[in-house]
């Protein structure tokens, strides 16, 4: 989800539709010009983000899965100019600015979440594609968080810029399936990612740091084979919070509004298998789960609205768009 300056909401659906939703919940016809997606498994149309100067240039960024040669595929990010209309709108001048490299077989762990910082850099989370070792392979961008300029070019102050090629994109490495990235009120980047069998992680993201997957994890392989825990390999960055049983994060944001005044600066995670909204409290470099709300459905996304309300998307067929506001007696 992404809010437009006029208060309307852009919503992606995995099968490939980009919709405009107005303040009363009415949904537009699909926006035309959206790139075709390779839909299946965990793949399809992913995130949507507005350029920081959207009001002037109209640029919208979309992440999605595209097919490669043979039975391969990978995430990509494209940008185009959004022209709104009463019935929906269209994208024009669409260009691909980033691709997962290499493309591999399978339909899982794309990640592909998008986030701009205050200086206009674009951060993209890139999953390991369920291939494990690529998260530690510096010749590719799988299992990484990458940092680019808004046109897809690579900033010279990236930690591995001198190595050139795809390696120059990398901001951090050793990630499994990062499904949420957000800045806290001090400008510190955090990410939430799915662990294997156990070990979902909330990480404080530091330039050039290695977060250890698949060498270490506080979970184990689905086969039952053990993975060494983080505390066995202190050279890798350990998570600030980890979960076993898992919460299965689907999305993540850090709240900076006034409507839920007691929660300003807190993080919120949309939980899939946990069917929850998880509230996180931060204390400098540390964090903890402070509260969990039972939503009764798999929750795919969470976003702060212009008025400070918390918006959530339910997962799967029949999923609803929810708007959460405080009761008269307080945040709850």
Protein backbone atom coordinates (compact mmCIF):
# COMPACT_ATOMS: atom_id res chain seq x y z
CA UNK A 1 0.00 0.00 0.00
CA UNK A 2 1.00 3.63 -0.53
CA UNK A 3 -0.99 6.79 0.14
CA UNK A 4 -1.32 9.44 -2.56
CA UNK A 5 -1.11 13.15 -1.63
CA UNK A 6 -4.88 13.51 -2.09
CA UNK A 7 -5.57 10.80 0.54
CA UNK A 8 -6.39 8.02 -1.87
CA UNK A 9 -4.56 4.73 -1.51
CA UNK A 10 -2.64 2.62 -4.02
CA UNK A 11 -2.98 -1.11 -3.35
CA UNK A 12 -1.22 -3.96 -5.13
CA UNK A 13 -2.63 -7.45 -5.58
CA UNK A 14 -0.25 -10.36 -6.11
CA UNK A 15 -1.92 -11.49 -9.33
CA UNK A 16 -0.88 -8.21 -10.95
CA UNK A 17 -3.50 -5.52 -10.34
CA UNK A 18 -2.72 -2.02 -9.05
CA UNK A 19 -5.85 -0.38 -7.62
CA UNK A 20 -6.80 3.07 -6.34
CA UNK A 21 -8.99 3.11 -3.22
CA UNK A 22 -10.79 6.28 -2.13
CA UNK A 23 -11.63 7.47 1.37
CA UNK A 24 -14.93 5.59 1.44
CA UNK A 25 -13.43 2.25 0.41
CA UNK A 26 -14.46 2.37 -3.25
CA UNK A 27 -11.99 0.56 -5.52
CA UNK A 28 -11.06 1.72 -9.02
CA UNK A 29 -10.61 -0.24 -12.17
CA UNK A 30 -7.04 -1.62 -12.39
CA UNK A 31 -4.41 0.94 -13.32
CA UNK A 32 -3.18 0.23 -16.86
CA UNK A 33 0.47 0.01 -17.88
CA UNK A 34 1.55 -2.16 -14.94
CA UNK A 35 4.30 -4.61 -16.02
CA UNK A 36 3.21 -8.20 -16.54
CA UNK A 37 4.08 -10.41 -13.59
CA UNK A 38 5.15 -14.02 -13.17
CA UNK A 39 2.36 -15.05 -10.80
CA UNK A 40 2.58 -18.17 -8.66
CA UNK A 41 3.70 -19.34 -5.24
CA UNK A 42 4.95 -16.30 -3.36
CA UNK A 43 5.52 -14.38 -6.60
CA UNK A 44 3.63 -11.70 -8.45
CA UNK A 45 3.12 -7.98 -7.96
CA UNK A 46 4.74 -6.88 -4.69
CA UNK A 47 5.32 -3.46 -3.17
CA UNK A 48 4.41 0.06 -4.29
CA UNK A 49 6.14 3.30 -3.30
CA UNK A 50 5.93 6.95 -4.34
CA UNK A 51 8.99 8.92 -5.34
CA UNK A 52 9.80 11.48 -2.60
CA UNK A 53 9.04 14.22 -5.15
CA UNK A 54 5.90 12.51 -6.46
CA UNK A 55 3.87 15.74 -6.35
CA UNK A 56 6.17 17.16 -9.04
CA UNK A 57 7.21 14.13 -11.12
CA UNK A 58 4.35 11.62 -10.61
CA UNK A 59 6.77 8.67 -10.33
CA UNK A 60 5.53 5.42 -8.79
CA UNK A 61 7.78 2.42 -8.07
CA UNK A 62 6.56 -1.17 -8.25
CA UNK A 63 8.29 -4.42 -7.32
CA UNK A 64 7.21 -7.61 -9.05
CA UNK A 65 8.41 -10.99 -10.27
CA UNK A 66 9.47 -11.44 -13.88
CA UNK A 67 10.30 -14.63 -15.76
CA UNK A 68 13.81 -15.37 -17.00
CA UNK A 69 15.26 -17.92 -19.36
CA UNK A 70 14.21 -21.52 -18.86
CA UNK A 71 12.38 -22.13 -15.61
CA UNK A 72 13.90 -19.16 -13.77
CA UNK A 73 12.51 -15.95 -12.34
CA UNK A 74 13.38 -13.11 -10.04
CA UNK A 75 12.15 -9.88 -8.55
CA UNK A 76 12.44 -6.58 -10.41
CA UNK A 77 11.65 -2.95 -9.66
CA UNK A 78 10.17 -0.63 -12.27
CA UNK A 79 9.11 2.98 -12.14
CA UNK A 80 6.60 4.88 -14.23
CA UNK A 81 4.59 8.07 -14.29
CA UNK A 82 1.14 7.68 -12.74
CA UNK A 83 -1.68 9.57 -14.43
CA UNK A 84 -4.81 9.41 -12.31
CA UNK A 85 -8.34 9.35 -13.69
CA UNK A 86 -11.82 8.96 -12.23
CA UNK A 87 -11.86 5.28 -13.17
CA UNK A 88 -8.32 4.53 -11.98
CA UNK A 89 -5.45 5.71 -14.11
CA UNK A 90 -2.43 4.59 -16.11
CA UNK A 91 1.32 4.21 -15.90
CA UNK A 92 3.48 5.58 -18.70
CA UNK A 93 7.23 5.72 -19.41
CA UNK A 94 7.71 2.51 -17.43
CA UNK A 95 11.35 1.44 -17.02
CA UNK A 96 13.01 -1.34 -15.02
CA UNK A 97 15.66 0.08 -12.68
CA UNK A 98 16.71 -3.05 -10.72
CA UNK A 99 16.64 -6.84 -10.96
CA UNK A 100 17.50 -9.74 -8.67
CA UNK A 101 20.71 -11.32 -9.90
CA UNK A 102 20.90 -14.19 -10.58
CA UNK A 103 17.45 -15.39 -11.61
CA UNK A 104 16.86 -18.88 -10.21
CA UNK A 105 14.20 -21.60 -10.18
CA UNK A 106 11.40 -21.74 -7.60
CA UNK A 107 8.71 -19.30 -6.50
CA UNK A 108 9.67 -18.28 -2.98
CA UNK A 109 11.48 -15.65 -0.90
CA UNK A 110 11.51 -12.64 -3.20
CA UNK A 111 11.37 -10.05 -0.41
CA UNK A 112 11.16 -7.02 -2.77
CA UNK A 113 10.03 -4.35 -0.27
CA UNK A 114 10.72 -0.70 -1.17
CA UNK A 115 11.69 2.26 1.02
CA UNK A 116 13.04 5.76 0.36
CA UNK A 117 15.16 7.63 2.89
CA UNK A 118 15.14 11.39 3.47
CA UNK A 119 17.99 11.86 0.98
CA UNK A 120 16.14 10.09 -1.82
CA UNK A 121 18.04 6.79 -1.74
CA UNK A 122 15.94 3.73 -2.56
CA UNK A 123 16.38 0.66 -0.33
CA UNK A 124 15.17 -2.70 -1.69
CA UNK A 125 14.98 -5.92 0.32
CA UNK A 126 15.98 -8.98 -1.69
CA UNK A 127 15.20 -12.49 -0.42
CA UNK A 128 17.47 -15.53 -0.70
CA UNK A 129 14.94 -17.24 -3.04
CA UNK A 130 15.03 -20.34 -0.80
CA UNK A 131 18.53 -21.10 -2.09
CA UNK A 132 20.36 -20.47 1.23
CA UNK A 133 23.99 -19.87 0.16
CA UNK A 134 23.35 -16.85 -2.11
CA UNK A 135 22.71 -14.77 1.03
CA UNK A 136 26.49 -14.95 1.64
CA UNK A 137 27.56 -14.76 -2.02
CA UNK A 138 28.78 -11.24 -2.78
CA UNK A 139 28.65 -11.80 -6.55
CA UNK A 140 24.83 -11.64 -6.45
CA UNK A 141 22.16 -9.59 -4.71
CA UNK A 142 20.00 -12.41 -3.30
CA UNK A 143 19.63 -12.40 0.48
CA UNK A 144 20.66 -8.74 0.65
CA UNK A 145 19.36 -5.25 1.27
CA UNK A 146 20.46 -2.98 -1.56
CA UNK A 147 20.73 0.81 -1.74
CA UNK A 148 20.35 2.75 -4.98
CA UNK A 149 19.63 6.19 -6.30
CA UNK A 150 16.07 6.79 -7.51
CA UNK A 151 17.06 5.92 -11.11
CA UNK A 152 18.70 2.62 -10.16
CA UNK A 153 22.28 3.88 -10.26
CA UNK A 154 24.59 3.03 -7.34
CA UNK A 155 25.75 5.59 -4.74
CA UNK A 156 29.52 5.83 -4.41
CA UNK A 157 29.31 5.68 -0.61
CA UNK A 158 27.78 2.19 -0.62
CA UNK A 159 30.02 -0.10 1.47
CA UNK A 160 31.10 -2.36 -1.41
CA UNK A 161 31.02 0.19 -4.24
CA UNK A 162 34.68 -0.30 -5.10
CA UNK A 163 34.03 -3.94 -6.03
CA UNK A 164 31.75 -2.88 -8.87
CA UNK A 165 28.95 -4.76 -10.60
CA UNK A 166 26.05 -6.16 -8.60
CA UNK A 167 28.24 -6.19 -5.48
CA UNK A 168 28.28 -2.40 -5.44
CA UNK A 169 24.51 -2.34 -4.79
CA UNK A 170 24.75 -4.22 -1.49
CA UNK A 171 24.07 -2.38 1.77
CA UNK A 172 23.83 -5.44 4.06
CA UNK A 173 23.88 -9.20 3.59
CA UNK A 174 23.03 -12.52 5.23
CA UNK A 175 19.25 -12.10 5.07
CA UNK A 176 16.68 -14.83 4.46
CA UNK A 177 13.33 -13.34 3.40
CA UNK A 178 13.13 -9.66 4.44
CA UNK A 179 9.47 -8.62 4.22
CA UNK A 180 9.57 -5.23 5.89
CA UNK A 181 12.00 -2.29 6.12
CA UNK A 182 11.44 0.98 7.98
CA UNK A 183 13.29 3.90 9.52
CA UNK A 184 12.79 4.78 13.17
CA UNK A 185 12.41 8.36 14.41
CA UNK A 186 16.20 8.73 14.65
CA UNK A 187 16.71 7.61 11.05
CA UNK A 188 17.95 4.12 11.95
CA UNK A 189 16.98 1.41 9.46
CA UNK A 190 15.31 -1.79 10.75
CA UNK A 191 14.09 -4.88 8.93
CA UNK A 192 11.78 -7.78 9.74
CA UNK A 193 12.34 -11.15 8.08
CA UNK A 194 10.96 -14.65 8.14
CA UNK A 195 13.18 -17.24 9.72
CA UNK A 196 13.18 -20.93 8.74
CA UNK A 197 11.50 -23.31 11.24
CA UNK A 198 11.61 -20.78 14.05
CA UNK A 199 13.77 -17.70 14.33
CA UNK A 200 11.83 -14.83 12.73
CA UNK A 201 14.04 -11.77 13.14
CA UNK A 202 13.88 -8.02 13.74
CA UNK A 203 17.26 -6.57 12.82
CA UNK A 204 18.92 -3.19 13.27
CA UNK A 205 20.45 -2.66 9.84
CA UNK A 206 24.00 -1.30 9.77
CA UNK A 207 25.94 -0.35 6.65
CA UNK A 208 28.00 -3.29 5.40
CA UNK A 209 26.95 -5.67 8.17
CA UNK A 210 26.46 -9.43 7.75
CA UNK A 211 23.40 -10.93 9.50
CA UNK A 212 24.59 -14.51 9.17
CA UNK A 213 21.98 -16.50 7.24
CA UNK A 214 22.27 -19.41 6.45
CA UNK A 215 25.41 -19.92 8.55
CA UNK A 216 23.49 -19.00 11.71
CA UNK A 217 19.84 -18.65 12.65
CA UNK A 218 17.82 -19.02 15.83
CA UNK A 219 15.61 -21.40 13.85
CA UNK A 220 16.35 -24.68 12.10
CA UNK A 221 15.78 -26.10 8.62
CA UNK A 222 12.30 -27.45 7.85
CA UNK A 223 13.92 -30.85 7.39
CA UNK A 224 14.80 -30.78 11.09
CA UNK A 225 18.51 -30.25 10.43
CA UNK A 226 19.91 -27.84 13.02
CA UNK A 227 21.36 -24.44 12.17
CA UNK A 228 23.87 -23.00 14.66
CA UNK A 229 22.36 -20.21 16.78
CA UNK A 230 23.55 -16.62 16.50
CA UNK A 231 25.41 -16.75 19.80
CA UNK A 232 27.79 -19.38 18.39
CA UNK A 233 29.13 -16.96 15.76
CA UNK A 234 29.54 -13.48 17.27
CA UNK A 235 31.11 -12.12 14.08
CA UNK A 236 27.60 -12.01 12.58
CA UNK A 237 25.08 -9.38 13.66
CA UNK A 238 22.44 -10.88 15.96
CA UNK A 239 18.75 -9.91 15.81
CA UNK A 240 17.38 -7.38 18.26
CA UNK A 241 14.26 -9.57 18.66
CA UNK A 242 13.58 -13.11 17.46
CA UNK A 243 10.53 -15.34 17.63
CA UNK A 244 10.02 -19.08 18.12
CA UNK A 245 7.15 -19.91 17.61
CA UNK A 246 7.21 -17.64 14.60
CA UNK A 247 4.93 -14.69 13.89
CA UNK A 248 5.43 -14.96 10.09
CA UNK A 249 5.85 -11.25 9.33
CA UNK A 250 4.09 -9.93 6.26
CA UNK A 251 4.83 -6.22 6.61
CA UNK A 252 6.38 -3.64 8.92
CA UNK A 253 6.17 0.06 9.68
CA UNK A 254 7.32 2.45 12.41
CA UNK A 255 4.68 4.87 13.64
CA UNK A 256 5.35 8.62 13.77
CA UNK A 257 1.81 10.00 13.95
CA UNK A 258 -0.16 11.74 16.69
CA UNK A 259 -3.45 9.84 16.60
CA UNK A 260 -2.01 6.96 18.67
CA UNK A 261 0.12 9.34 20.73
CA UNK A 262 1.41 6.71 23.18
CA UNK A 263 2.71 4.63 20.29
CA UNK A 264 4.76 7.29 18.50
CA UNK A 265 8.11 5.71 17.62
CA UNK A 266 6.85 2.14 18.02
CA UNK A 267 7.07 -0.51 15.31
CA UNK A 268 4.13 -2.54 14.01
CA UNK A 269 4.39 -5.93 12.31
CA UNK A 270 1.61 -7.54 10.27
CA UNK A 271 1.56 -11.23 11.24
CA UNK A 272 0.53 -13.97 8.79
CA UNK A 273 0.44 -17.34 10.59
CA UNK A 274 0.14 -15.49 13.91
CA UNK A 275 -2.92 -13.60 12.58
CA UNK A 276 -1.81 -10.61 14.57
CA UNK A 277 -0.61 -7.04 14.79
CA UNK A 278 2.60 -7.03 16.84
CA UNK A 279 3.73 -3.81 18.55
CA UNK A 280 7.45 -3.25 19.09
CA UNK A 281 9.05 -0.80 21.52
CA UNK A 282 12.54 0.52 20.74
CA UNK A 283 15.22 1.62 23.18
CA UNK A 284 18.21 2.87 21.21
CA UNK A 285 19.80 -0.17 19.58
CA UNK A 286 17.49 -2.55 21.44
CA UNK A 287 13.89 -3.58 20.88
CA UNK A 288 11.23 -5.83 22.42
CA UNK A 289 7.74 -7.09 21.67
CA UNK A 290 5.44 -4.94 23.79
CA UNK A 291 1.98 -6.09 22.76
CA UNK A 292 0.16 -8.40 20.37
CA UNK A 293 -3.32 -7.90 18.98
CA UNK A 294 -5.30 -10.89 17.72
CA UNK A 295 -6.68 -9.93 14.29
CA UNK A 296 -8.29 -13.30 13.52
CA UNK A 297 -6.96 -13.30 9.94
CA UNK A 298 -3.61 -13.54 8.20
CA UNK A 299 -2.34 -9.96 7.97
CA UNK A 300 -0.29 -9.09 4.92
CA UNK A 301 0.52 -5.37 5.24
CA UNK A 302 0.46 -2.48 7.72
CA UNK A 303 0.77 1.24 6.95
CA UNK A 304 0.27 4.57 8.68
CA UNK A 305 -2.33 6.78 7.03
CA UNK A 306 -2.20 10.56 6.57
CA UNK A 307 -4.40 11.21 9.63
CA UNK A 308 -2.40 8.80 11.81
CA UNK A 309 -4.80 5.84 11.53
CA UNK A 310 -3.22 2.40 11.10
CA UNK A 311 -4.24 0.63 7.89
CA UNK A 312 -3.92 -3.12 7.37
CA UNK A 313 -4.51 -5.58 4.54
CA UNK A 314 -5.77 -9.08 5.17
CA UNK A 315 -4.24 -11.92 3.17
CA UNK A 316 -5.78 -14.31 0.66
CA UNK A 317 -9.17 -14.37 -1.11
CA UNK A 318 -11.76 -12.13 0.52
CA UNK A 319 -9.09 -10.13 2.32
CA UNK A 320 -10.27 -6.77 3.63
CA UNK A 321 -8.66 -3.36 3.91
CA UNK A 322 -8.89 -2.28 7.56
CA UNK A 323 -8.60 1.18 9.17
CA UNK A 324 -7.73 1.19 12.87
CA UNK A 325 -8.38 4.25 15.08
CA UNK A 326 -8.23 4.77 18.86
CA UNK A 327 -11.20 4.29 21.12
CA UNK A 328 -12.34 7.27 23.20
CA UNK A 329 -10.62 5.81 26.25
CA UNK A 330 -7.15 5.54 24.74
CA UNK A 331 -5.01 3.75 22.18
CA UNK A 332 -6.70 0.38 22.65
